[in-house]
Amino acid sequence: MLNNLLSGLFGKVVDNAEGIIDEIVTTKEEKEKLRIELKRIMLEAEREAFDKEVEDRVSARNMYAGDAIIQKALAILFTTAYFGLSFVMFRYFVLNDIQLGDYEIGFISTIFGAMSAKVNTIIDFFFGGSSKDNK
């Protein structure tokens, strides 16, 4: 994405610079030399931008290389709450031994749906690419 943005910006700079080159420089040889030098400068700037982008990714990966205790505590709390809600829903829908109003059913169902979407994230975090066993 950054590369596309920079290419667009550099493309406009090159187009504007070529117009200026055409107005200032009169000989064909000088125009060609300036165009080549301008393209070299733009390619170098794009390469530097790409290197910075890669460097940012590396530093982000290094920052999250180790698991913090808060990540584990929140994952345990989240998982416990998820299974607690599952138990309540099981008792209501299957065993029919608790009574819930429409508001409670809607609230629990909404939270359960949102939590179900995040269970995959927790599993991926602990057992997927972030897992130390996979490194």
C-alpha atoms as a PDB file:
ATOM      1  CA  MET A   1       0.000   0.000   0.000  1.00  0.00           C
ATOM      2  CA  LEU A   2       2.774   2.393   0.953  1.00  0.00           C
ATOM      3  CA  ASN A   3       4.602   1.417  -2.210  1.00  0.00           C
ATOM      4  CA  ASN A   4       1.546   2.298  -4.340  1.00  0.00           C
ATOM      5  CA  LEU A   5       1.174   5.617  -2.562  1.00  0.00           C
ATOM      6  CA  LEU A   6       4.830   6.490  -3.026  1.00  0.00           C
ATOM      7  CA  SER A   7       4.751   5.399  -6.655  1.00  0.00           C
ATOM      8  CA  GLY A   8       1.829   7.725  -7.249  1.00  0.00           C
ATOM      9  CA  LEU A   9       3.544  10.636  -5.525  1.00  0.00           C
ATOM     10  CA  PHE A  10       6.884   9.996  -7.216  1.00  0.00           C
ATOM     11  CA  GLY A  11       5.157   9.601 -10.574  1.00  0.00           C
ATOM     12  CA  LYS A  12       3.651  13.090 -10.211  1.00  0.00           C
ATOM     13  CA  VAL A  13       7.013  14.500  -9.164  1.00  0.00           C
ATOM     14  CA  VAL A  14       8.676  12.922 -12.185  1.00  0.00           C
ATOM     15  CA  ASP A  15       5.990  14.255 -14.524  1.00  0.00           C
ATOM     16  CA  ASN A  16       6.329  17.787 -13.099  1.00  0.00           C
ATOM     17  CA  ALA A  17      10.125  17.611 -13.148  1.00  0.00           C
ATOM     18  CA  GLU A  18      10.153  16.476 -16.783  1.00  0.00           C
ATOM     19  CA  GLY A  19       8.063  19.513 -17.702  1.00  0.00           C
ATOM     20  CA  ILE A  20      10.565  21.742 -15.926  1.00  0.00           C
ATOM     21  CA  ILE A  21      13.480  19.922 -17.576  1.00  0.00           C
ATOM     22  CA  ASP A  22      11.918  20.506 -21.003  1.00  0.00           C
ATOM     23  CA  GLU A  23      11.612  24.234 -20.292  1.00  0.00           C
ATOM     24  CA  ILE A  24      15.081  24.778 -18.813  1.00  0.00           C
ATOM     25  CA  VAL A  25      17.373  22.399 -20.693  1.00  0.00           C
ATOM     26  CA  THR A  26      17.692  22.829 -24.416  1.00  0.00           C
ATOM     27  CA  THR A  27      19.923  20.003 -25.642  1.00  0.00           C
ATOM     28  CA  LYS A  28      18.645  16.465 -26.055  1.00  0.00           C
ATOM     29  CA  GLU A  29      21.678  14.935 -24.329  1.00  0.00           C
ATOM     30  CA  GLU A  30      21.281  17.066 -21.212  1.00  0.00           C
ATOM     31  CA  LYS A  31      17.543  16.291 -21.077  1.00  0.00           C
ATOM     32  CA  GLU A  32      18.220  12.559 -21.283  1.00  0.00           C
ATOM     33  CA  LYS A  33      20.936  12.734 -18.602  1.00  0.00           C
ATOM     34  CA  LEU A  34      18.615  14.651 -16.274  1.00  0.00           C
ATOM     35  CA  ARG A  35      15.741  12.215 -16.894  1.00  0.00           C
ATOM     36  CA  ILE A  36      17.988   9.234 -16.119  1.00  0.00           C
ATOM     37  CA  GLU A  37      19.314  10.924 -12.966  1.00  0.00           C
ATOM     38  CA  LEU A  38      15.780  11.810 -11.869  1.00  0.00           C
ATOM     39  CA  LYS A  39      14.612   8.217 -12.347  1.00  0.00           C
ATOM     40  CA  ARG A  40      17.631   6.958 -10.396  1.00  0.00           C
ATOM     41  CA  ILE A  41      16.815   9.312  -7.515  1.00  0.00           C
ATOM     42  CA  MET A  42      13.163   8.232  -7.521  1.00  0.00           C
ATOM     43  CA  LEU A  43      14.074   4.532  -7.534  1.00  0.00           C
ATOM     44  CA  GLU A  44      16.466   5.085  -4.658  1.00  0.00           C
ATOM     45  CA  ALA A  45      13.767   6.916  -2.687  1.00  0.00           C
ATOM     46  CA  GLU A  46      11.305   4.058  -3.322  1.00  0.00           C
ATOM     47  CA  ARG A  47      13.902   1.507  -2.194  1.00  0.00           C
ATOM     48  CA  GLU A  48      14.563   3.480   1.002  1.00  0.00           C
ATOM     49  CA  ALA A  49      10.825   3.687   1.705  1.00  0.00           C
ATOM     50  CA  PHE A  50      10.471  -0.065   1.196  1.00  0.00           C
ATOM     51  CA  ASP A  51      13.451  -0.731   3.509  1.00  0.00           C
ATOM     52  CA  LYS A  52      11.851   1.445   6.206  1.00  0.00           C
ATOM     53  CA  GLU A  53       8.570  -0.443   5.840  1.00  0.00           C
ATOM     54  CA  VAL A  54      10.344  -3.783   6.258  1.00  0.00           C
ATOM     55  CA  GLU A  55      12.256  -2.429   9.265  1.00  0.00           C
ATOM     56  CA  ASP A  56       8.962  -1.383  10.889  1.00  0.00           C
ATOM     57  CA  ARG A  57       7.556  -4.889  10.440  1.00  0.00           C
ATOM     58  CA  VAL A  58      10.646  -6.462  11.998  1.00  0.00           C
ATOM     59  CA  SER A  59      10.506  -4.173  15.026  1.00  0.00           C
ATOM     60  CA  ALA A  60       6.793  -4.919  15.488  1.00  0.00           C
ATOM     61  CA  ARG A  61       7.482  -8.658  15.410  1.00  0.00           C
ATOM     62  CA  ASN A  62      10.312  -8.270  17.913  1.00  0.00           C
ATOM     63  CA  MET A  63       8.106  -6.233  20.244  1.00  0.00           C
ATOM     64  CA  TYR A  64       5.529  -9.044  20.440  1.00  0.00           C
ATOM     65  CA  ALA A  65       7.997 -11.944  20.412  1.00  0.00           C
ATOM     66  CA  GLY A  66       7.310 -12.748  24.064  1.00  0.00           C
ATOM     67  CA  ASP A  67       3.903 -13.280  25.627  1.00  0.00           C
ATOM     68  CA  ALA A  68       2.990 -10.863  28.398  1.00  0.00           C
ATOM     69  CA  ILE A  69       1.169 -12.083  31.508  1.00  0.00           C
ATOM     70  CA  ILE A  70      -1.741  -9.729  30.752  1.00  0.00           C
ATOM     71  CA  GLN A  71      -2.317 -11.494  27.411  1.00  0.00           C
ATOM     72  CA  LYS A  72      -2.575 -14.846  29.161  1.00  0.00           C
ATOM     73  CA  ALA A  73      -4.753 -13.485  31.968  1.00  0.00           C
ATOM     74  CA  LEU A  74      -7.191 -11.876  29.530  1.00  0.00           C
ATOM     75  CA  ALA A  75      -7.315 -15.025  27.385  1.00  0.00           C
ATOM     76  CA  ILE A  76      -8.105 -17.145  30.475  1.00  0.00           C
ATOM     77  CA  LEU A  77     -10.766 -14.670  31.634  1.00  0.00           C
ATOM     78  CA  PHE A  78     -12.292 -14.515  28.162  1.00  0.00           C
ATOM     79  CA  THR A  79     -12.310 -18.305  27.764  1.00  0.00           C
ATOM     80  CA  THR A  80     -13.873 -18.784  31.216  1.00  0.00           C
ATOM     81  CA  ALA A  81     -16.598 -16.256  30.405  1.00  0.00           C
ATOM     82  CA  TYR A  82     -17.208 -17.935  27.045  1.00  0.00           C
ATOM     83  CA  PHE A  83     -17.709 -21.343  28.632  1.00  0.00           C
ATOM     84  CA  GLY A  84     -19.853 -19.777  31.364  1.00  0.00           C
ATOM     85  CA  LEU A  85     -22.156 -18.263  28.752  1.00  0.00           C
ATOM     86  CA  SER A  86     -22.185 -21.578  26.885  1.00  0.00           C
ATOM     87  CA  PHE A  87     -23.294 -23.302  30.097  1.00  0.00           C
ATOM     88  CA  VAL A  88     -26.100 -20.776  30.689  1.00  0.00           C
ATOM     89  CA  MET A  89     -27.302 -21.132  27.107  1.00  0.00           C
ATOM     90  CA  PHE A  90     -27.170 -24.946  27.380  1.00  0.00           C
ATOM     91  CA  ARG A  91     -29.241 -24.893  30.555  1.00  0.00           C
ATOM     92  CA  TYR A  92     -31.790 -22.529  29.007  1.00  0.00           C
ATOM     93  CA  PHE A  93     -32.150 -24.048  25.543  1.00  0.00           C
ATOM     94  CA  VAL A  94     -31.544 -27.747  26.270  1.00  0.00           C
ATOM     95  CA  LEU A  95     -32.356 -28.454  29.914  1.00  0.00           C
ATOM     96  CA  ASN A  96     -34.976 -25.703  30.272  1.00  0.00           C
ATOM     97  CA  ASP A  97     -34.285 -25.417  34.013  1.00  0.00           C
ATOM     98  CA  ILE A  98     -33.672 -21.639  34.136  1.00  0.00           C
ATOM     99  CA  GLN A  99     -35.978 -18.846  33.113  1.00  0.00           C
ATOM    100  CA  LEU A 100     -34.693 -15.889  31.101  1.00  0.00           C
ATOM    101  CA  GLY A 101     -36.584 -12.944  29.669  1.00  0.00           C
ATOM    102  CA  ASP A 102     -36.372 -11.787  26.086  1.00  0.00           C
ATOM    103  CA  TYR A 103     -33.891  -9.045  27.028  1.00  0.00           C
ATOM    104  CA  GLU A 104     -31.567 -11.488  28.798  1.00  0.00           C
ATOM    105  CA  ILE A 105     -31.725 -13.984  25.914  1.00  0.00           C
ATOM    106  CA  GLY A 106     -30.904 -11.242  23.380  1.00  0.00           C
ATOM    107  CA  PHE A 107     -28.088  -9.862  25.515  1.00  0.00           C
ATOM    108  CA  ILE A 108     -26.489 -13.264  26.150  1.00  0.00           C
ATOM    109  CA  SER A 109     -26.873 -14.273  22.504  1.00  0.00           C
ATOM    110  CA  THR A 110     -25.243 -11.062  21.284  1.00  0.00           C
ATOM    111  CA  ILE A 111     -22.294 -11.372  23.644  1.00  0.00           C
ATOM    112  CA  PHE A 112     -21.952 -15.080  22.887  1.00  0.00           C
ATOM    113  CA  GLY A 113     -21.884 -14.384  19.131  1.00  0.00           C
ATOM    114  CA  ALA A 114     -19.208 -11.729  19.502  1.00  0.00           C
ATOM    115  CA  MET A 115     -17.143 -13.951  21.788  1.00  0.00           C
ATOM    116  CA  SER A 116     -17.471 -16.898  19.395  1.00  0.00           C
ATOM    117  CA  ALA A 117     -15.816 -14.803  16.704  1.00  0.00           C
ATOM    118  CA  LYS A 118     -12.855 -14.098  19.009  1.00  0.00           C
ATOM    119  CA  VAL A 119     -12.289 -17.665  20.220  1.00  0.00           C
ATOM    120  CA  ASN A 120     -10.520 -18.355  16.928  1.00  0.00           C
ATOM    121  CA  THR A 121      -8.172 -15.427  17.577  1.00  0.00           C
ATOM    122  CA  ILE A 122      -7.216 -16.790  20.987  1.00  0.00           C
ATOM    123  CA  ILE A 123      -6.621 -20.283  19.603  1.00  0.00           C
ATOM    124  CA  ASP A 124      -4.488 -18.858  16.784  1.00  0.00           C
ATOM    125  CA  PHE A 125      -2.507 -16.779  19.262  1.00  0.00           C
ATOM    126  CA  PHE A 126      -1.651 -19.623  21.602  1.00  0.00           C
ATOM    127  CA  PHE A 127      -1.392 -22.477  19.128  1.00  0.00           C
ATOM    128  CA  GLY A 128      -0.829 -20.749  15.776  1.00  0.00           C
ATOM    129  CA  GLY A 129       1.920 -18.564  14.329  1.00  0.00           C
ATOM    130  CA  SER A 130       2.637 -16.767  17.620  1.00  0.00           C
ATOM    131  CA  SER A 131       3.234 -19.999  19.467  1.00  0.00           C
ATOM    132  CA  LYS A 132       6.837 -20.526  20.578  1.00  0.00           C
ATOM    133  CA  ASP A 133       6.661 -24.147  19.412  1.00  0.00           C
ATOM    134  CA  ASN A 134       6.322 -22.971  15.813  1.00  0.00           C
ATOM    135  CA  LYS A 135       9.443 -20.793  15.874  1.00  0.00           C
END
